[in-house]
Amino acid sequence: MTIKVLLVDDHKIVRQGVRAFLQTLNGISVVAEAASGTEAIQKAGEAHFDVVLMDLEMPGELDGIAATRQIRKEHPKMQVIVVTSHHQDEYIFPAVRAGAISYLLKDVEPEELADAIRKAAVGEAVLDSRVASRIIKELQGIRQDDVNPFTELSEREFDVLRLIAAGKSNAEIAETLVIGESTVKTHVGNMLKKLHLGDRTQAAVYAWQQGVVRRD
């Protein structure tokens, strides 16, 4: 059986290099390419793919994490492998939560990439050693903020989180805190990254779980 791959990266030269290598292999075929998250979602809806190779930072409204989340929601049988140059927490954990089965860095050896594709096609995960180390530490509770997950948040970011959990919109938060709506959006983005959350809904649920807000 040939593993059908969708290759997603905003750099054409990267796509050409990966495609050229994968096309030399038996059993793996790059069927389509996409240069943005939006295009990736569109391509995924047009044909069946076994594996999606997903870059994270791309132009447009939808980055690789958002595209991964949408593809996994609409096509749960498609496995997504993140291939990126970023190994920081603010990229790793949102990508995994979005549904990526594997997380590789762009300095991966070609043979290792091919092996990850074959494993993803049968539901097996592969993690770069630097990424695996971060995930293990997270699971073991070794992170410095493990006792209090909110210690990295500024006072204003915490206020924004509390108001999101209370169901407030950005406009309502801006009015409550007497700040601009664009400033609210910046605080929301920073807060999500620091807490390794994907969107406002996850933030609200997490805040309730952690007791940031309580029902009277």
N, C-alpha and C. Protein backbone atom coordinates (compact mmCIF):
# COMPACT_ATOMS: atom_id res chain seq x y z
N MET A 1 0.83 -1.20 0.00
CA MET A 1 0.00 0.00 0.00
C MET A 1 0.87 1.25 0.00
N THR A 2 0.54 2.20 -0.85
CA THR A 2 1.29 3.45 -0.91
C THR A 2 0.75 4.44 0.10
N ILE A 3 1.64 5.03 0.88
CA ILE A 3 1.25 6.04 1.86
C ILE A 3 1.15 7.38 1.14
N LYS A 4 -0.04 7.98 1.16
CA LYS A 4 -0.28 9.24 0.47
C LYS A 4 -0.02 10.41 1.41
N VAL A 5 0.85 11.32 0.97
CA VAL A 5 1.32 12.41 1.83
C VAL A 5 0.88 13.77 1.29
N LEU A 6 0.43 14.62 2.21
CA LEU A 6 0.19 16.04 1.92
C LEU A 6 1.32 16.83 2.56
N LEU A 7 2.05 17.59 1.77
CA LEU A 7 3.22 18.32 2.24
C LEU A 7 2.86 19.79 2.42
N VAL A 8 2.99 20.31 3.65
CA VAL A 8 2.57 21.67 3.95
C VAL A 8 3.75 22.49 4.48
N ASP A 9 4.16 23.49 3.72
CA ASP A 9 5.25 24.38 4.12
C ASP A 9 5.18 25.62 3.24
N ASP A 10 5.40 26.79 3.83
CA ASP A 10 5.28 28.00 3.03
C ASP A 10 6.52 28.29 2.18
N HIS A 11 7.59 27.52 2.36
CA HIS A 11 8.80 27.70 1.56
C HIS A 11 8.83 26.66 0.44
N LYS A 12 8.77 27.15 -0.79
CA LYS A 12 8.72 26.24 -1.93
C LYS A 12 9.96 25.38 -2.02
N ILE A 13 11.12 25.94 -1.69
CA ILE A 13 12.36 25.18 -1.80
C ILE A 13 12.38 24.02 -0.80
N VAL A 14 11.75 24.22 0.36
CA VAL A 14 11.66 23.14 1.35
C VAL A 14 10.75 22.03 0.81
N ARG A 15 9.62 22.43 0.26
CA ARG A 15 8.69 21.44 -0.30
C ARG A 15 9.36 20.66 -1.43
N GLN A 16 10.09 21.35 -2.28
CA GLN A 16 10.77 20.68 -3.40
C GLN A 16 11.79 19.67 -2.90
N GLY A 17 12.55 20.04 -1.86
CA GLY A 17 13.56 19.14 -1.32
C GLY A 17 12.97 17.90 -0.69
N VAL A 18 11.93 18.10 0.12
CA VAL A 18 11.28 16.97 0.78
C VAL A 18 10.61 16.07 -0.26
N ARG A 19 9.91 16.67 -1.20
CA ARG A 19 9.25 15.89 -2.25
C ARG A 19 10.27 15.07 -3.04
N ALA A 20 11.38 15.71 -3.41
CA ALA A 20 12.39 15.01 -4.22
C ALA A 20 12.90 13.78 -3.50
N PHE A 21 13.10 13.90 -2.17
CA PHE A 21 13.59 12.74 -1.41
C PHE A 21 12.53 11.67 -1.29
N LEU A 22 11.32 12.06 -0.90
CA LEU A 22 10.26 11.07 -0.66
C LEU A 22 9.88 10.34 -1.94
N GLN A 23 9.97 11.01 -3.07
CA GLN A 23 9.59 10.37 -4.32
C GLN A 23 10.60 9.30 -4.76
N THR A 24 11.76 9.25 -4.11
CA THR A 24 12.73 8.19 -4.41
C THR A 24 12.42 6.91 -3.65
N LEU A 25 11.46 6.97 -2.73
CA LEU A 25 11.18 5.83 -1.86
C LEU A 25 9.99 5.03 -2.37
N ASN A 26 10.05 3.76 -2.15
CA ASN A 26 8.92 2.90 -2.46
C ASN A 26 7.88 2.98 -1.34
N GLY A 27 6.63 3.06 -1.73
CA GLY A 27 5.57 3.03 -0.73
C GLY A 27 5.18 4.36 -0.15
N ILE A 28 5.82 5.47 -0.58
CA ILE A 28 5.46 6.80 -0.11
C ILE A 28 5.32 7.72 -1.32
N SER A 29 4.21 8.44 -1.37
CA SER A 29 3.97 9.33 -2.51
C SER A 29 3.44 10.67 -2.02
N VAL A 30 4.10 11.76 -2.41
CA VAL A 30 3.61 13.11 -2.13
C VAL A 30 2.54 13.42 -3.16
N VAL A 31 1.30 13.41 -2.74
CA VAL A 31 0.17 13.58 -3.65
C VAL A 31 -0.15 15.04 -3.89
N ALA A 32 0.05 15.88 -2.86
CA ALA A 32 -0.29 17.30 -2.99
C ALA A 32 0.57 18.13 -2.05
N GLU A 33 0.62 19.44 -2.33
CA GLU A 33 1.37 20.38 -1.50
C GLU A 33 0.48 21.56 -1.14
N ALA A 34 0.82 22.22 -0.03
CA ALA A 34 0.10 23.42 0.38
C ALA A 34 1.10 24.39 0.98
N ALA A 35 0.85 25.69 0.80
CA ALA A 35 1.78 26.71 1.27
C ALA A 35 1.25 27.50 2.45
N SER A 36 0.08 27.11 2.97
CA SER A 36 -0.50 27.82 4.11
C SER A 36 -1.44 26.88 4.85
N GLY A 37 -1.83 27.29 6.05
CA GLY A 37 -2.77 26.48 6.81
C GLY A 37 -4.12 26.39 6.13
N THR A 38 -4.57 27.50 5.59
CA THR A 38 -5.86 27.51 4.90
C THR A 38 -5.85 26.57 3.69
N GLU A 39 -4.77 26.62 2.92
CA GLU A 39 -4.66 25.75 1.75
C GLU A 39 -4.56 24.29 2.18
N ALA A 40 -3.89 24.03 3.29
CA ALA A 40 -3.77 22.65 3.78
C ALA A 40 -5.14 22.06 4.10
N ILE A 41 -5.98 22.84 4.76
CA ILE A 41 -7.33 22.38 5.10
C ILE A 41 -8.13 22.12 3.83
N GLN A 42 -7.98 23.01 2.86
CA GLN A 42 -8.68 22.85 1.59
C GLN A 42 -8.25 21.56 0.88
N LYS A 43 -6.92 21.34 0.79
CA LYS A 43 -6.40 20.15 0.13
C LYS A 43 -6.86 18.88 0.85
N ALA A 44 -6.86 18.92 2.17
CA ALA A 44 -7.27 17.75 2.95
C ALA A 44 -8.72 17.38 2.68
N GLY A 45 -9.52 18.38 2.32
CA GLY A 45 -10.91 18.10 2.03
C GLY A 45 -11.16 17.63 0.61
N GLU A 46 -10.14 17.74 -0.24
CA GLU A 46 -10.31 17.38 -1.65
C GLU A 46 -9.89 15.95 -1.97
N ALA A 47 -9.05 15.38 -1.12
CA ALA A 47 -8.55 14.01 -1.38
C ALA A 47 -8.19 13.35 -0.06
N HIS A 48 -8.05 12.03 -0.11
CA HIS A 48 -7.65 11.30 1.09
C HIS A 48 -6.13 11.26 1.19
N PHE A 49 -5.61 11.60 2.36
CA PHE A 49 -4.19 11.49 2.65
C PHE A 49 -4.01 10.65 3.89
N ASP A 50 -2.96 9.88 3.92
CA ASP A 50 -2.65 9.09 5.11
C ASP A 50 -1.89 9.92 6.13
N VAL A 51 -0.97 10.74 5.63
CA VAL A 51 -0.10 11.52 6.50
C VAL A 51 0.04 12.95 5.96
N VAL A 52 0.00 13.91 6.88
CA VAL A 52 0.23 15.31 6.54
C VAL A 52 1.52 15.76 7.21
N LEU A 53 2.46 16.27 6.43
CA LEU A 53 3.68 16.86 6.99
C LEU A 53 3.41 18.35 7.16
N MET A 54 3.40 18.84 8.40
CA MET A 54 2.91 20.18 8.69
C MET A 54 3.98 21.09 9.29
N ASP A 55 4.26 22.19 8.59
CA ASP A 55 5.07 23.25 9.17
C ASP A 55 4.19 24.02 10.16
N LEU A 56 4.79 24.75 11.09
CA LEU A 56 3.98 25.46 12.08
C LEU A 56 3.80 26.94 11.76
N GLU A 57 4.86 27.62 11.41
CA GLU A 57 4.78 29.05 11.13
C GLU A 57 4.58 29.28 9.64
N MET A 58 3.38 29.76 9.30
CA MET A 58 3.05 30.03 7.91
C MET A 58 2.22 31.30 7.83
N PRO A 59 2.20 31.95 6.68
CA PRO A 59 1.44 33.20 6.55
C PRO A 59 -0.06 32.95 6.58
N GLY A 60 -0.81 34.02 6.82
CA GLY A 60 -2.26 33.90 6.83
C GLY A 60 -2.82 33.77 8.23
N GLU A 61 -4.13 33.67 8.29
CA GLU A 61 -4.82 33.62 9.59
C GLU A 61 -4.62 32.29 10.31
N LEU A 62 -4.43 31.22 9.57
CA LEU A 62 -4.31 29.89 10.17
C LEU A 62 -2.87 29.41 10.12
N ASP A 63 -2.26 29.20 11.28
CA ASP A 63 -0.91 28.65 11.32
C ASP A 63 -1.01 27.12 11.32
N GLY A 64 0.14 26.46 11.46
CA GLY A 64 0.15 25.01 11.41
C GLY A 64 -0.61 24.35 12.54
N ILE A 65 -0.62 24.96 13.70
CA ILE A 65 -1.35 24.39 14.84
C ILE A 65 -2.85 24.43 14.59
N ALA A 66 -3.34 25.58 14.12
CA ALA A 66 -4.77 25.70 13.82
C ALA A 66 -5.17 24.75 12.69
N ALA A 67 -4.31 24.64 11.69
CA ALA A 67 -4.60 23.75 10.57
C ALA A 67 -4.62 22.29 11.02
N THR A 68 -3.67 21.94 11.90
CA THR A 68 -3.63 20.57 12.43
C THR A 68 -4.91 20.25 13.19
N ARG A 69 -5.34 21.18 14.02
CA ARG A 69 -6.55 20.97 14.81
C ARG A 69 -7.76 20.76 13.90
N GLN A 70 -7.88 21.58 12.85
CA GLN A 70 -9.02 21.49 11.95
C GLN A 70 -9.00 20.20 11.13
N ILE A 71 -7.82 19.85 10.64
CA ILE A 71 -7.70 18.62 9.84
C ILE A 71 -8.03 17.39 10.67
N ARG A 72 -7.51 17.36 11.89
CA ARG A 72 -7.78 16.21 12.75
C ARG A 72 -9.25 16.12 13.14
N LYS A 73 -9.90 17.27 13.26
CA LYS A 73 -11.32 17.29 13.59
C LYS A 73 -12.15 16.79 12.42
N GLU A 74 -11.82 17.25 11.21
CA GLU A 74 -12.62 16.90 10.04
C GLU A 74 -12.22 15.56 9.43
N HIS A 75 -10.96 15.16 9.60
CA HIS A 75 -10.45 13.92 8.99
C HIS A 75 -9.62 13.15 10.03
N PRO A 76 -10.27 12.55 11.01
CA PRO A 76 -9.55 11.91 12.12
C PRO A 76 -8.62 10.77 11.70
N LYS A 77 -8.80 10.23 10.51
CA LYS A 77 -7.91 9.15 10.06
C LYS A 77 -6.61 9.68 9.48
N MET A 78 -6.55 10.96 9.18
CA MET A 78 -5.31 11.56 8.68
C MET A 78 -4.39 11.85 9.86
N GLN A 79 -3.17 11.36 9.78
CA GLN A 79 -2.19 11.62 10.83
C GLN A 79 -1.32 12.81 10.45
N VAL A 80 -1.06 13.66 11.41
CA VAL A 80 -0.27 14.87 11.16
C VAL A 80 1.09 14.77 11.85
N ILE A 81 2.14 14.96 11.07
CA ILE A 81 3.50 15.03 11.61
C ILE A 81 3.96 16.48 11.52
N VAL A 82 4.26 17.07 12.64
CA VAL A 82 4.82 18.42 12.64
C VAL A 82 6.29 18.35 12.27
N VAL A 83 6.69 19.18 11.31
CA VAL A 83 8.10 19.30 10.94
C VAL A 83 8.44 20.78 10.99
N THR A 84 9.20 21.18 12.00
CA THR A 84 9.42 22.60 12.26
C THR A 84 10.83 22.84 12.78
N SER A 85 11.20 24.09 12.86
CA SER A 85 12.50 24.45 13.43
C SER A 85 12.38 24.83 14.91
N HIS A 86 11.15 24.82 15.43
CA HIS A 86 10.90 25.28 16.80
C HIS A 86 10.77 24.10 17.78
N HIS A 87 11.49 24.18 18.89
CA HIS A 87 11.35 23.15 19.92
C HIS A 87 11.05 23.76 21.29
N GLN A 88 10.47 24.97 21.28
CA GLN A 88 10.07 25.59 22.54
C GLN A 88 8.70 25.09 22.97
N ASP A 89 8.45 25.20 24.27
CA ASP A 89 7.19 24.70 24.84
C ASP A 89 5.97 25.31 24.17
N GLU A 90 6.05 26.62 23.82
CA GLU A 90 4.87 27.28 23.28
C GLU A 90 4.49 26.76 21.90
N TYR A 91 5.35 25.96 21.28
CA TYR A 91 5.02 25.31 20.02
C TYR A 91 4.68 23.82 20.24
N ILE A 92 5.47 23.17 21.08
CA ILE A 92 5.32 21.72 21.26
C ILE A 92 3.94 21.35 21.79
N PHE A 93 3.57 21.91 22.93
CA PHE A 93 2.36 21.47 23.61
C PHE A 93 1.07 21.82 22.86
N PRO A 94 0.96 23.02 22.29
CA PRO A 94 -0.24 23.29 21.47
C PRO A 94 -0.34 22.36 20.27
N ALA A 95 0.80 22.03 19.66
CA ALA A 95 0.78 21.13 18.48
C ALA A 95 0.31 19.74 18.87
N VAL A 96 0.80 19.25 19.99
CA VAL A 96 0.39 17.92 20.46
C VAL A 96 -1.09 17.93 20.84
N ARG A 97 -1.51 18.99 21.53
CA ARG A 97 -2.93 19.08 21.90
C ARG A 97 -3.83 19.20 20.67
N ALA A 98 -3.30 19.78 19.61
CA ALA A 98 -4.08 19.94 18.39
C ALA A 98 -4.28 18.61 17.66
N GLY A 99 -3.47 17.61 18.02
CA GLY A 99 -3.66 16.29 17.44
C GLY A 99 -2.51 15.73 16.64
N ALA A 100 -1.37 16.43 16.63
CA ALA A 100 -0.20 15.91 15.90
C ALA A 100 0.27 14.62 16.54
N ILE A 101 0.52 13.60 15.72
CA ILE A 101 0.98 12.32 16.25
C ILE A 101 2.49 12.32 16.48
N SER A 102 3.21 13.10 15.69
CA SER A 102 4.67 13.15 15.80
C SER A 102 5.15 14.59 15.69
N TYR A 103 6.33 14.84 16.25
CA TYR A 103 6.89 16.20 16.25
C TYR A 103 8.38 16.08 15.94
N LEU A 104 8.77 16.55 14.76
CA LEU A 104 10.16 16.47 14.31
C LEU A 104 10.70 17.85 14.02
N LEU A 105 12.01 18.00 14.14
CA LEU A 105 12.66 19.26 13.80
C LEU A 105 13.23 19.17 12.40
N LYS A 106 13.44 20.32 11.78
CA LYS A 106 13.82 20.34 10.37
C LYS A 106 15.25 19.88 10.11
N ASP A 107 16.00 19.63 11.16
CA ASP A 107 17.33 19.04 10.95
C ASP A 107 17.27 17.51 11.00
N VAL A 108 16.06 16.96 10.94
CA VAL A 108 15.89 15.51 10.96
C VAL A 108 16.58 14.88 9.75
N GLU A 109 17.14 13.71 9.95
CA GLU A 109 17.75 12.99 8.83
C GLU A 109 16.64 12.48 7.89
N PRO A 110 16.87 12.51 6.60
CA PRO A 110 15.84 12.08 5.64
C PRO A 110 15.28 10.69 5.96
N GLU A 111 16.15 9.75 6.32
CA GLU A 111 15.68 8.40 6.62
C GLU A 111 14.78 8.38 7.85
N GLU A 112 15.08 9.25 8.81
CA GLU A 112 14.25 9.32 10.01
C GLU A 112 12.87 9.89 9.68
N LEU A 113 12.84 10.85 8.77
CA LEU A 113 11.56 11.40 8.34
C LEU A 113 10.72 10.33 7.65
N ALA A 114 11.34 9.57 6.78
CA ALA A 114 10.63 8.50 6.09
C ALA A 114 10.11 7.47 7.08
N ASP A 115 10.92 7.14 8.08
CA ASP A 115 10.49 6.17 9.10
C ASP A 115 9.30 6.71 9.89
N ALA A 116 9.33 8.03 10.20
CA ALA A 116 8.23 8.64 10.95
C ALA A 116 6.94 8.60 10.13
N ILE A 117 7.06 8.79 8.82
CA ILE A 117 5.87 8.73 7.96
C ILE A 117 5.28 7.33 7.96
N ARG A 118 6.13 6.33 7.83
CA ARG A 118 5.65 4.95 7.83
C ARG A 118 4.98 4.61 9.16
N LYS A 119 5.56 5.06 10.26
CA LYS A 119 4.99 4.78 11.57
C LYS A 119 3.68 5.53 11.78
N ALA A 120 3.62 6.78 11.34
CA ALA A 120 2.39 7.55 11.50
C ALA A 120 1.24 6.90 10.75
N ALA A 121 1.54 6.31 9.61
CA ALA A 121 0.50 5.68 8.79
C ALA A 121 -0.16 4.50 9.51
N VAL A 122 0.54 3.93 10.50
CA VAL A 122 -0.04 2.82 11.27
C VAL A 122 -0.29 3.24 12.72
N GLY A 123 -0.31 4.57 12.95
CA GLY A 123 -0.69 5.08 14.26
C GLY A 123 0.40 5.12 15.31
N GLU A 124 1.67 5.08 14.89
CA GLU A 124 2.77 5.12 15.85
C GLU A 124 3.42 6.50 15.84
N ALA A 125 3.79 6.98 17.02
CA ALA A 125 4.34 8.33 17.17
C ALA A 125 5.87 8.32 17.17
N VAL A 126 6.43 9.42 16.70
CA VAL A 126 7.87 9.63 16.74
C VAL A 126 8.12 11.07 17.21
N LEU A 127 9.00 11.23 18.19
CA LEU A 127 9.32 12.55 18.71
C LEU A 127 10.82 12.80 18.64
N ASP A 128 11.19 13.99 18.21
CA ASP A 128 12.59 14.39 18.30
C ASP A 128 13.02 14.27 19.77
N SER A 129 14.27 13.89 20.01
CA SER A 129 14.72 13.65 21.38
C SER A 129 14.58 14.89 22.25
N ARG A 130 14.78 16.09 21.67
CA ARG A 130 14.66 17.33 22.44
C ARG A 130 13.20 17.59 22.81
N VAL A 131 12.31 17.22 21.93
CA VAL A 131 10.88 17.38 22.19
C VAL A 131 10.41 16.35 23.21
N ALA A 132 10.85 15.13 23.06
CA ALA A 132 10.48 14.06 24.00
C ALA A 132 10.91 14.42 25.42
N SER A 133 12.09 15.02 25.53
CA SER A 133 12.59 15.41 26.85
C SER A 133 11.67 16.43 27.51
N ARG A 134 11.19 17.40 26.74
CA ARG A 134 10.30 18.41 27.30
C ARG A 134 8.96 17.79 27.73
N ILE A 135 8.44 16.89 26.92
CA ILE A 135 7.16 16.27 27.24
C ILE A 135 7.28 15.40 28.48
N ILE A 136 8.37 14.66 28.59
CA ILE A 136 8.58 13.81 29.76
C ILE A 136 8.66 14.65 31.02
N LYS A 137 9.41 15.73 30.96
CA LYS A 137 9.53 16.62 32.13
C LYS A 137 8.18 17.21 32.51
N GLU A 138 7.39 17.53 31.50
CA GLU A 138 6.05 18.07 31.76
C GLU A 138 5.20 17.02 32.48
N LEU A 139 5.24 15.80 31.99
CA LEU A 139 4.43 14.73 32.59
C LEU A 139 4.91 14.40 34.00
N GLN A 140 6.20 14.53 34.24
CA GLN A 140 6.75 14.22 35.55
C GLN A 140 6.60 15.38 36.54
N GLY A 141 6.10 16.52 36.05
CA GLY A 141 5.91 17.66 36.93
C GLY A 141 7.20 18.35 37.30
N ILE A 142 8.19 18.32 36.40
CA ILE A 142 9.49 18.92 36.71
C ILE A 142 9.53 20.39 36.37
N ARG A 143 8.57 20.87 35.57
CA ARG A 143 8.57 22.28 35.21
C ARG A 143 8.54 23.14 36.47
N GLN A 144 9.24 24.26 36.43
CA GLN A 144 9.37 25.12 37.59
C GLN A 144 8.03 25.65 38.08
N ASP A 145 7.09 25.82 37.16
CA ASP A 145 5.80 26.37 37.55
C ASP A 145 4.77 25.29 37.82
N ASP A 146 5.23 24.08 38.10
CA ASP A 146 4.30 22.97 38.26
C ASP A 146 3.37 23.17 39.45
N VAL A 147 3.88 23.75 40.54
CA VAL A 147 3.06 23.95 41.73
C VAL A 147 1.97 24.98 41.45
N ASN A 148 2.34 26.05 40.76
CA ASN A 148 1.38 27.08 40.40
C ASN A 148 1.51 27.36 38.91
N PRO A 149 0.60 26.85 38.11
CA PRO A 149 0.72 26.98 36.65
C PRO A 149 0.60 28.41 36.16
N PHE A 150 0.21 29.35 37.04
CA PHE A 150 -0.02 30.71 36.60
C PHE A 150 1.12 31.67 36.96
N THR A 151 2.23 31.16 37.49
CA THR A 151 3.29 32.04 37.95
C THR A 151 3.94 32.83 36.81
N GLU A 152 3.88 32.31 35.59
CA GLU A 152 4.49 33.03 34.47
C GLU A 152 3.60 34.14 33.94
N LEU A 153 2.34 34.15 34.32
CA LEU A 153 1.42 35.17 33.82
C LEU A 153 1.63 36.49 34.54
N SER A 154 1.57 37.57 33.78
CA SER A 154 1.59 38.90 34.40
C SER A 154 0.24 39.12 35.08
N GLU A 155 0.16 40.13 35.92
CA GLU A 155 -1.10 40.42 36.61
C GLU A 155 -2.21 40.72 35.61
N ARG A 156 -1.87 41.45 34.53
CA ARG A 156 -2.87 41.79 33.52
C ARG A 156 -3.32 40.56 32.74
N GLU A 157 -2.37 39.67 32.41
CA GLU A 157 -2.72 38.43 31.70
C GLU A 157 -3.64 37.56 32.56
N PHE A 158 -3.38 37.55 33.86
CA PHE A 158 -4.24 36.77 34.77
C PHE A 158 -5.64 37.37 34.81
N ASP A 159 -5.72 38.70 34.81
CA ASP A 159 -7.03 39.36 34.78
C ASP A 159 -7.80 38.99 33.51
N VAL A 160 -7.08 38.98 32.39
CA VAL A 160 -7.71 38.62 31.12
C VAL A 160 -8.21 37.18 31.16
N LEU A 161 -7.41 36.27 31.70
CA LEU A 161 -7.82 34.87 31.82
C LEU A 161 -9.08 34.75 32.67
N ARG A 162 -9.11 35.45 33.77
CA ARG A 162 -10.27 35.40 34.67
C ARG A 162 -11.53 35.89 33.96
N LEU A 163 -11.40 36.93 33.16
CA LEU A 163 -12.56 37.48 32.46
C LEU A 163 -12.99 36.59 31.30
N ILE A 164 -12.03 35.95 30.64
CA ILE A 164 -12.38 34.98 29.59
C ILE A 164 -13.18 33.84 30.20
N ALA A 165 -12.73 33.37 31.35
CA ALA A 165 -13.44 32.28 32.03
C ALA A 165 -14.84 32.69 32.45
N ALA A 166 -15.02 33.99 32.65
CA ALA A 166 -16.34 34.51 33.02
C ALA A 166 -17.21 34.74 31.79
N GLY A 167 -16.69 34.42 30.61
CA GLY A 167 -17.48 34.51 29.39
C GLY A 167 -17.44 35.86 28.70
N LYS A 168 -16.49 36.72 29.06
CA LYS A 168 -16.42 38.06 28.48
C LYS A 168 -15.75 38.03 27.10
N SER A 169 -16.24 38.86 26.20
CA SER A 169 -15.61 39.03 24.89
C SER A 169 -14.41 39.96 25.02
N ASN A 170 -13.62 40.07 23.96
CA ASN A 170 -12.48 40.99 23.98
C ASN A 170 -12.92 42.42 24.22
N ALA A 171 -14.02 42.81 23.58
CA ALA A 171 -14.53 44.17 23.75
C ALA A 171 -14.94 44.42 25.21
N GLU A 172 -15.58 43.44 25.81
CA GLU A 172 -16.02 43.58 27.21
C GLU A 172 -14.83 43.60 28.15
N ILE A 173 -13.81 42.79 27.83
CA ILE A 173 -12.60 42.78 28.65
C ILE A 173 -11.89 44.13 28.56
N ALA A 174 -11.82 44.67 27.35
CA ALA A 174 -11.18 45.97 27.15
C ALA A 174 -11.89 47.05 27.96
N GLU A 175 -13.22 47.00 27.97
CA GLU A 175 -14.00 47.99 28.72
C GLU A 175 -13.79 47.83 30.22
N THR A 176 -13.76 46.59 30.68
CA THR A 176 -13.59 46.32 32.12
C THR A 176 -12.23 46.76 32.62
N LEU A 177 -11.19 46.48 31.83
CA LEU A 177 -9.82 46.77 32.26
C LEU A 177 -9.34 48.15 31.80
N VAL A 178 -10.19 48.83 31.04
CA VAL A 178 -9.88 50.17 30.52
C VAL A 178 -8.58 50.13 29.69
N ILE A 179 -8.55 49.22 28.74
CA ILE A 179 -7.42 49.11 27.82
C ILE A 179 -7.97 48.90 26.42
N GLY A 180 -7.11 49.02 25.42
CA GLY A 180 -7.54 48.85 24.05
C GLY A 180 -7.82 47.39 23.72
N GLU A 181 -8.71 47.17 22.74
CA GLU A 181 -9.05 45.80 22.36
C GLU A 181 -7.85 45.09 21.74
N SER A 182 -7.00 45.83 21.03
CA SER A 182 -5.79 45.23 20.45
C SER A 182 -4.84 44.78 21.56
N THR A 183 -4.81 45.52 22.65
CA THR A 183 -3.98 45.14 23.81
C THR A 183 -4.52 43.86 24.44
N VAL A 184 -5.84 43.75 24.49
CA VAL A 184 -6.47 42.53 25.02
C VAL A 184 -6.04 41.33 24.17
N LYS A 185 -6.07 41.47 22.85
CA LYS A 185 -5.69 40.38 21.95
C LYS A 185 -4.24 39.96 22.20
N THR A 186 -3.37 40.95 22.43
CA THR A 186 -1.97 40.64 22.73
C THR A 186 -1.85 39.85 24.03
N HIS A 187 -2.57 40.29 25.06
CA HIS A 187 -2.55 39.58 26.35
C HIS A 187 -3.09 38.17 26.21
N VAL A 188 -4.14 38.00 25.42
CA VAL A 188 -4.72 36.67 25.21
C VAL A 188 -3.70 35.75 24.55
N GLY A 189 -3.04 36.24 23.50
CA GLY A 189 -2.03 35.45 22.81
C GLY A 189 -0.90 35.04 23.72
N ASN A 190 -0.39 35.98 24.51
CA ASN A 190 0.70 35.68 25.44
C ASN A 190 0.27 34.68 26.50
N MET A 191 -0.93 34.85 27.00
CA MET A 191 -1.44 33.95 28.04
C MET A 191 -1.59 32.52 27.51
N LEU A 192 -2.11 32.38 26.29
CA LEU A 192 -2.28 31.04 25.71
C LEU A 192 -0.94 30.35 25.52
N LYS A 193 0.06 31.09 25.06
CA LYS A 193 1.39 30.51 24.87
C LYS A 193 1.98 30.06 26.20
N LYS A 194 1.88 30.89 27.22
CA LYS A 194 2.49 30.57 28.50
C LYS A 194 1.82 29.36 29.17
N LEU A 195 0.54 29.18 28.93
CA LEU A 195 -0.18 28.07 29.54
C LEU A 195 -0.27 26.87 28.60
N HIS A 196 0.33 26.99 27.40
CA HIS A 196 0.33 25.89 26.41
C HIS A 196 -1.09 25.49 26.04
N LEU A 197 -1.94 26.48 25.80
CA LEU A 197 -3.32 26.23 25.43
C LEU A 197 -3.56 26.68 23.99
N GLY A 198 -4.54 26.05 23.34
CA GLY A 198 -4.74 26.30 21.92
C GLY A 198 -5.68 27.46 21.61
N ASP A 199 -6.68 27.71 22.46
CA ASP A 199 -7.64 28.76 22.14
C ASP A 199 -8.35 29.22 23.42
N ARG A 200 -9.26 30.18 23.26
CA ARG A 200 -9.97 30.78 24.39
C ARG A 200 -10.82 29.76 25.12
N THR A 201 -11.43 28.84 24.38
CA THR A 201 -12.27 27.84 25.03
C THR A 201 -11.46 26.97 25.98
N GLN A 202 -10.29 26.52 25.50
CA GLN A 202 -9.41 25.73 26.37
C GLN A 202 -9.00 26.54 27.59
N ALA A 203 -8.73 27.84 27.38
CA ALA A 203 -8.32 28.70 28.49
C ALA A 203 -9.43 28.80 29.54
N ALA A 204 -10.67 28.96 29.07
CA ALA A 204 -11.80 29.09 29.99
C ALA A 204 -11.99 27.81 30.80
N VAL A 205 -11.94 26.68 30.10
CA VAL A 205 -12.09 25.38 30.78
C VAL A 205 -10.97 25.19 31.80
N TYR A 206 -9.75 25.50 31.40
CA TYR A 206 -8.59 25.33 32.28
C TYR A 206 -8.72 26.22 33.51
N ALA A 207 -9.18 27.45 33.31
CA ALA A 207 -9.32 28.38 34.43
C ALA A 207 -10.34 27.86 35.45
N TRP A 208 -11.44 27.31 34.94
CA TRP A 208 -12.43 26.73 35.85
C TRP A 208 -11.86 25.51 36.59
N GLN A 209 -11.12 24.68 35.86
CA GLN A 209 -10.53 23.50 36.48
C GLN A 209 -9.54 23.86 37.58
N GLN A 210 -8.81 24.96 37.38
CA GLN A 210 -7.78 25.35 38.33
C GLN A 210 -8.32 26.28 39.43
N GLY A 211 -9.62 26.57 39.38
CA GLY A 211 -10.20 27.37 40.44
C GLY A 211 -9.96 28.85 40.33
N VAL A 212 -9.61 29.32 39.11
CA VAL A 212 -9.41 30.76 38.91
C VAL A 212 -10.72 31.50 39.12
N VAL A 213 -11.80 30.90 38.69
CA VAL A 213 -13.13 31.43 38.96
C VAL A 213 -13.97 30.33 39.58
N ARG A 214 -14.88 30.70 40.42
CA ARG A 214 -15.71 29.71 41.09
C ARG A 214 -17.17 30.17 41.04
N ARG A 215 -18.08 29.21 41.00
CA ARG A 215 -19.51 29.53 41.05
C ARG A 215 -19.88 29.83 42.49
N ASP A 216 -20.63 30.91 42.66
CA ASP A 216 -21.09 31.26 44.00
C ASP A 216 -22.19 30.32 44.46
